[in-house]
Amino acid sequence: MPLESSAPGEWRPSSYSGGNGNCVEVAVIAAGNGVAVRDTKDRTIPAAVIPARAWSAFLTHLKG
């Protein structure tokens, strides 16, 4: 899904960022179709768009 066709909502930093700017930011894609993830330090790099199912599986894996 091209990011341009479904602009992400509000960007929010990772809860593990520590406030030093060395983190990633996440935004929900319109209609809950997934998330966009970007590097806080270099916003010129295009965001990675991750489908909702893959993001859910990733979070489930992290929670163990």
PDB file of N, CA and C in Angstrom:
ATOM      1  N   MET A   1       0.857  -1.177   0.000  1.00  0.00           N
ATOM      2  CA  MET A   1       0.000   0.000   0.000  1.00  0.00           C
ATOM      3  C   MET A   1       0.897   1.231   0.000  1.00  0.00           C
ATOM      4  N   PRO A   2       0.827   2.041  -1.028  1.00  0.00           N
ATOM      5  CA  PRO A   2       1.647   3.248  -1.048  1.00  0.00           C
ATOM      6  C   PRO A   2       1.216   4.213   0.051  1.00  0.00           C
ATOM      7  N   LEU A   3       2.181   4.759   0.735  1.00  0.00           N
ATOM      8  CA  LEU A   3       1.900   5.694   1.820  1.00  0.00           C
ATOM      9  C   LEU A   3       1.130   6.899   1.307  1.00  0.00           C
ATOM     10  N   GLU A   4       1.436   7.343   0.104  1.00  0.00           N
ATOM     11  CA  GLU A   4       0.793   8.533  -0.431  1.00  0.00           C
ATOM     12  C   GLU A   4      -0.719   8.355  -0.569  1.00  0.00           C
ATOM     13  N   SER A   5      -1.179   7.137  -0.815  1.00  0.00           N
ATOM     14  CA  SER A   5      -2.604   6.920  -1.033  1.00  0.00           C
ATOM     15  C   SER A   5      -3.394   6.820   0.266  1.00  0.00           C
ATOM     16  N   SER A   6      -2.732   6.615   1.362  1.00  0.00           N
ATOM     17  CA  SER A   6      -3.396   6.507   2.658  1.00  0.00           C
ATOM     18  C   SER A   6      -2.546   7.198   3.710  1.00  0.00           C
ATOM     19  N   ALA A   7      -2.579   8.504   3.708  1.00  0.00           N
ATOM     20  CA  ALA A   7      -1.739   9.280   4.619  1.00  0.00           C
ATOM     21  C   ALA A   7      -1.926   8.829   6.057  1.00  0.00           C
ATOM     22  N   PRO A   8      -0.827   8.677   6.802  1.00  0.00           N
ATOM     23  CA  PRO A   8      -0.927   8.242   8.190  1.00  0.00           C
ATOM     24  C   PRO A   8      -1.511   9.339   9.078  1.00  0.00           C
ATOM     25  N   GLY A   9      -2.024   8.904  10.198  1.00  0.00           N
ATOM     26  CA  GLY A   9      -2.535   9.853  11.190  1.00  0.00           C
ATOM     27  C   GLY A   9      -1.390  10.493  11.946  1.00  0.00           C
ATOM     28  N   GLU A  10      -1.615  10.816  13.163  1.00  0.00           N
ATOM     29  CA  GLU A  10      -0.619  11.493  13.992  1.00  0.00           C
ATOM     30  C   GLU A  10       0.556  10.558  14.292  1.00  0.00           C
ATOM     31  N   TRP A  11       1.770  11.062  14.104  1.00  0.00           N
ATOM     32  CA  TRP A  11       2.973  10.301  14.414  1.00  0.00           C
ATOM     33  C   TRP A  11       3.202  10.328  15.921  1.00  0.00           C
ATOM     34  N   ARG A  12       3.586   9.186  16.485  1.00  0.00           N
ATOM     35  CA  ARG A  12       3.926   9.154  17.909  1.00  0.00           C
ATOM     36  C   ARG A  12       5.207   8.354  18.081  1.00  0.00           C
ATOM     37  N   PRO A  13       6.083   8.807  18.982  1.00  0.00           N
ATOM     38  CA  PRO A  13       7.366   8.127  19.174  1.00  0.00           C
ATOM     39  C   PRO A  13       7.195   6.801  19.898  1.00  0.00           C
ATOM     40  N   SER A  14       8.146   5.934  19.681  1.00  0.00           N
ATOM     41  CA  SER A  14       8.180   4.657  20.389  1.00  0.00           C
ATOM     42  C   SER A  14       8.253   4.905  21.890  1.00  0.00           C
ATOM     43  N   SER A  15       7.600   4.064  22.654  1.00  0.00           N
ATOM     44  CA  SER A  15       7.639   4.211  24.114  1.00  0.00           C
ATOM     45  C   SER A  15       9.021   3.896  24.667  1.00  0.00           C
ATOM     46  N   TYR A  16       9.884   3.306  23.852  1.00  0.00           N
ATOM     47  CA  TYR A  16      11.245   2.977  24.293  1.00  0.00           C
ATOM     48  C   TYR A  16      12.280   3.994  23.840  1.00  0.00           C
ATOM     49  N   SER A  17      11.841   5.141  23.356  1.00  0.00           N
ATOM     50  CA  SER A  17      12.769   6.106  22.771  1.00  0.00           C
ATOM     51  C   SER A  17      13.655   6.799  23.793  1.00  0.00           C
ATOM     52  N   GLY A  18      13.178   6.965  25.010  1.00  0.00           N
ATOM     53  CA  GLY A  18      13.978   7.637  26.018  1.00  0.00           C
ATOM     54  C   GLY A  18      14.047   9.145  25.823  1.00  0.00           C
ATOM     55  N   GLY A  19      13.361   9.678  24.839  1.00  0.00           N
ATOM     56  CA  GLY A  19      13.325  11.123  24.644  1.00  0.00           C
ATOM     57  C   GLY A  19      14.582  11.733  24.072  1.00  0.00           C
ATOM     58  N   ASN A  20      15.509  10.915  23.563  1.00  0.00           N
ATOM     59  CA  ASN A  20      16.769  11.457  23.037  1.00  0.00           C
ATOM     60  C   ASN A  20      16.773  11.598  21.519  1.00  0.00           C
ATOM     61  N   GLY A  21      15.647  11.311  20.866  1.00  0.00           N
ATOM     62  CA  GLY A  21      15.565  11.453  19.414  1.00  0.00           C
ATOM     63  C   GLY A  21      16.046  10.256  18.638  1.00  0.00           C
ATOM     64  N   ASN A  22      16.607   9.264  19.311  1.00  0.00           N
ATOM     65  CA  ASN A  22      17.083   8.054  18.641  1.00  0.00           C
ATOM     66  C   ASN A  22      16.005   6.982  18.715  1.00  0.00           C
ATOM     67  N   CYS A  23      14.969   7.168  17.913  1.00  0.00           N
ATOM     68  CA  CYS A  23      13.872   6.210  17.981  1.00  0.00           C
ATOM     69  C   CYS A  23      13.140   6.158  16.651  1.00  0.00           C
ATOM     70  N   VAL A  24      12.080   5.404  16.657  1.00  0.00           N
ATOM     71  CA  VAL A  24      11.189   5.367  15.510  1.00  0.00           C
ATOM     72  C   VAL A  24       9.854   5.967  15.932  1.00  0.00           C
ATOM     73  N   GLU A  25       9.100   6.409  14.939  1.00  0.00           N
ATOM     74  CA  GLU A  25       7.756   6.911  15.177  1.00  0.00           C
ATOM     75  C   GLU A  25       6.783   6.031  14.410  1.00  0.00           C
ATOM     76  N   VAL A  26       5.591   5.897  14.950  1.00  0.00           N
ATOM     77  CA  VAL A  26       4.564   5.051  14.356  1.00  0.00           C
ATOM     78  C   VAL A  26       3.302   5.878  14.162  1.00  0.00           C
ATOM     79  N   ALA A  27       2.611   5.657  13.054  1.00  0.00           N
ATOM     80  CA  ALA A  27       1.324   6.311  12.797  1.00  0.00           C
ATOM     81  C   ALA A  27       0.379   5.289  12.184  1.00  0.00           C
ATOM     82  N   VAL A  28      -0.859   5.312  12.617  1.00  0.00           N
ATOM     83  CA  VAL A  28      -1.869   4.411  12.069  1.00  0.00           C
ATOM     84  C   VAL A  28      -2.290   4.925  10.698  1.00  0.00           C
ATOM     85  N   ILE A  29      -2.384   4.009   9.737  1.00  0.00           N
ATOM     86  CA  ILE A  29      -2.840   4.349   8.392  1.00  0.00           C
ATOM     87  C   ILE A  29      -4.369   4.478   8.427  1.00  0.00           C
ATOM     88  N   ALA A  30      -4.897   5.358   7.625  1.00  0.00           N
ATOM     89  CA  ALA A  30      -6.337   5.579   7.557  1.00  0.00           C
ATOM     90  C   ALA A  30      -7.099   4.267   7.445  1.00  0.00           C
ATOM     91  N   ALA A  31      -8.222   4.203   8.114  1.00  0.00           N
ATOM     92  CA  ALA A  31      -9.136   3.049   8.104  1.00  0.00           C
ATOM     93  C   ALA A  31      -8.531   1.808   8.778  1.00  0.00           C
ATOM     94  N   GLY A  32      -7.453   1.982   9.545  1.00  0.00           N
ATOM     95  CA  GLY A  32      -6.881   0.863  10.276  1.00  0.00           C
ATOM     96  C   GLY A  32      -6.262  -0.210   9.403  1.00  0.00           C
ATOM     97  N   ASN A  33      -5.817   0.157   8.206  1.00  0.00           N
ATOM     98  CA  ASN A  33      -5.236  -0.812   7.280  1.00  0.00           C
ATOM     99  C   ASN A  33      -3.801  -1.181   7.596  1.00  0.00           C
ATOM    100  N   GLY A  34      -3.213  -0.570   8.606  1.00  0.00           N
ATOM    101  CA  GLY A  34      -1.844  -0.856   8.969  1.00  0.00           C
ATOM    102  C   GLY A  34      -1.206   0.325   9.654  1.00  0.00           C
ATOM    103  N   VAL A  35       0.120   0.306   9.696  1.00  0.00           N
ATOM    104  CA  VAL A  35       0.860   1.397  10.311  1.00  0.00           C
ATOM    105  C   VAL A  35       2.009   1.814   9.408  1.00  0.00           C
ATOM    106  N   ALA A  36       2.456   3.037   9.620  1.00  0.00           N
ATOM    107  CA  ALA A  36       3.657   3.538   8.961  1.00  0.00           C
ATOM    108  C   ALA A  36       4.693   3.744  10.060  1.00  0.00           C
ATOM    109  N   VAL A  37       5.925   3.379   9.773  1.00  0.00           N
ATOM    110  CA  VAL A  37       7.016   3.500  10.741  1.00  0.00           C
ATOM    111  C   VAL A  37       8.127   4.299  10.077  1.00  0.00           C
ATOM    112  N   ARG A  38       8.646   5.297  10.811  1.00  0.00           N
ATOM    113  CA  ARG A  38       9.737   6.109  10.254  1.00  0.00           C
ATOM    114  C   ARG A  38      10.810   6.347  11.304  1.00  0.00           C
ATOM    115  N   ASP A  39      11.991   6.682  10.810  1.00  0.00           N
ATOM    116  CA  ASP A  39      13.144   7.001  11.646  1.00  0.00           C
ATOM    117  C   ASP A  39      13.042   8.454  12.082  1.00  0.00           C
ATOM    118  N   THR A  40      13.059   8.699  13.379  1.00  0.00           N
ATOM    119  CA  THR A  40      12.937  10.061  13.904  1.00  0.00           C
ATOM    120  C   THR A  40      14.125  10.932  13.497  1.00  0.00           C
ATOM    121  N   LYS A  41      15.320  10.351  13.419  1.00  0.00           N
ATOM    122  CA  LYS A  41      16.521  11.130  13.112  1.00  0.00           C
ATOM    123  C   LYS A  41      16.595  11.578  11.667  1.00  0.00           C
ATOM    124  N   ASP A  42      16.010  10.808  10.750  1.00  0.00           N
ATOM    125  CA  ASP A  42      16.105  11.143   9.331  1.00  0.00           C
ATOM    126  C   ASP A  42      14.752  10.942   8.661  1.00  0.00           C
ATOM    127  N   ARG A  43      13.942  11.963   8.706  1.00  0.00           N
ATOM    128  CA  ARG A  43      12.588  11.877   8.152  1.00  0.00           C
ATOM    129  C   ARG A  43      12.571  11.991   6.633  1.00  0.00           C
ATOM    130  N   THR A  44      13.751  12.132   6.010  1.00  0.00           N
ATOM    131  CA  THR A  44      13.800  12.145   4.549  1.00  0.00           C
ATOM    132  C   THR A  44      13.698  10.729   3.989  1.00  0.00           C
ATOM    133  N   ILE A  45      13.976   9.733   4.811  1.00  0.00           N
ATOM    134  CA  ILE A  45      13.837   8.335   4.394  1.00  0.00           C
ATOM    135  C   ILE A  45      12.349   7.997   4.409  1.00  0.00           C
ATOM    136  N   PRO A  46      11.827   7.412   3.340  1.00  0.00           N
ATOM    137  CA  PRO A  46      10.401   7.084   3.313  1.00  0.00           C
ATOM    138  C   PRO A  46      10.002   6.140   4.457  1.00  0.00           C
ATOM    139  N   ALA A  47       8.800   6.325   4.947  1.00  0.00           N
ATOM    140  CA  ALA A  47       8.288   5.464   6.014  1.00  0.00           C
ATOM    141  C   ALA A  47       8.029   4.065   5.474  1.00  0.00           C
ATOM    142  N   ALA A  48       8.213   3.075   6.338  1.00  0.00           N
ATOM    143  CA  ALA A  48       7.859   1.697   5.996  1.00  0.00           C
ATOM    144  C   ALA A  48       6.381   1.524   6.315  1.00  0.00           C
ATOM    145  N   VAL A  49       5.643   0.972   5.374  1.00  0.00           N
ATOM    146  CA  VAL A  49       4.215   0.730   5.569  1.00  0.00           C
ATOM    147  C   VAL A  49       4.032  -0.754   5.857  1.00  0.00           C
ATOM    148  N   ILE A  50       3.420  -1.049   7.002  1.00  0.00           N
ATOM    149  CA  ILE A  50       3.264  -2.423   7.448  1.00  0.00           C
ATOM    150  C   ILE A  50       1.773  -2.746   7.551  1.00  0.00           C
ATOM    151  N   PRO A  51       1.321  -3.801   6.862  1.00  0.00           N
ATOM    152  CA  PRO A  51      -0.089  -4.175   6.923  1.00  0.00           C
ATOM    153  C   PRO A  51      -0.526  -4.504   8.353  1.00  0.00           C
ATOM    154  N   ALA A  52      -1.791  -4.292   8.649  1.00  0.00           N
ATOM    155  CA  ALA A  52      -2.327  -4.488   9.994  1.00  0.00           C
ATOM    156  C   ALA A  52      -2.054  -5.881  10.546  1.00  0.00           C
ATOM    157  N   ARG A  53      -2.252  -6.919   9.740  1.00  0.00           N
ATOM    158  CA  ARG A  53      -2.012  -8.296  10.222  1.00  0.00           C
ATOM    159  C   ARG A  53      -0.555  -8.521  10.618  1.00  0.00           C
ATOM    160  N   ALA A  54       0.345  -8.025   9.805  1.00  0.00           N
ATOM    161  CA  ALA A  54       1.768  -8.193  10.097  1.00  0.00           C
ATOM    162  C   ALA A  54       2.155  -7.420  11.356  1.00  0.00           C
ATOM    163  N   TRP A  55       1.615  -6.215  11.518  1.00  0.00           N
ATOM    164  CA  TRP A  55       1.916  -5.411  12.706  1.00  0.00           C
ATOM    165  C   TRP A  55       1.392  -6.103  13.963  1.00  0.00           C
ATOM    166  N   SER A  56       0.182  -6.642  13.880  1.00  0.00           N
ATOM    167  CA  SER A  56      -0.416  -7.352  15.012  1.00  0.00           C
ATOM    168  C   SER A  56       0.428  -8.568  15.393  1.00  0.00           C
ATOM    169  N   ALA A  57       0.877  -9.321  14.398  1.00  0.00           N
ATOM    170  CA  ALA A  57       1.726 -10.488  14.655  1.00  0.00           C
ATOM    171  C   ALA A  57       3.045 -10.066  15.297  1.00  0.00           C
ATOM    172  N   PHE A  58       3.615  -8.969  14.826  1.00  0.00           N
ATOM    173  CA  PHE A  58       4.868  -8.448  15.382  1.00  0.00           C
ATOM    174  C   PHE A  58       4.690  -8.095  16.859  1.00  0.00           C
ATOM    175  N   LEU A  59       3.612  -7.373  17.170  1.00  0.00           N
ATOM    176  CA  LEU A  59       3.368  -6.988  18.562  1.00  0.00           C
ATOM    177  C   LEU A  59       3.105  -8.198  19.454  1.00  0.00           C
ATOM    178  N   THR A  60       2.386  -9.187  18.938  1.00  0.00           N
ATOM    179  CA  THR A  60       2.133 -10.421  19.694  1.00  0.00           C
ATOM    180  C   THR A  60       3.444 -11.121  19.991  1.00  0.00           C
ATOM    181  N   HIS A  61       4.347 -11.173  19.012  1.00  0.00           N
ATOM    182  CA  HIS A  61       5.656 -11.797  19.208  1.00  0.00           C
ATOM    183  C   HIS A  61       6.462 -11.056  20.278  1.00  0.00           C
ATOM    184  N   LEU A  62       6.425  -9.730  20.257  1.00  0.00           N
ATOM    185  CA  LEU A  62       7.174  -8.952  21.259  1.00  0.00           C
ATOM    186  C   LEU A  62       6.676  -9.195  22.677  1.00  0.00           C
ATOM    187  N   LYS A  63       5.387  -9.355  22.795  1.00  0.00           N
ATOM    188  CA  LYS A  63       4.794  -9.564  24.123  1.00  0.00           C
ATOM    189  C   LYS A  63       5.061 -10.968  24.646  1.00  0.00           C
ATOM    190  N   GLY A  64       5.498 -11.854  23.736  1.00  0.00           N
ATOM    191  CA  GLY A  64       5.876 -13.215  24.105  1.00  0.00           C
ATOM    192  C   GLY A  64       4.746 -14.038  24.520  1.00  0.00           C
TER     193      GLY A  64
END
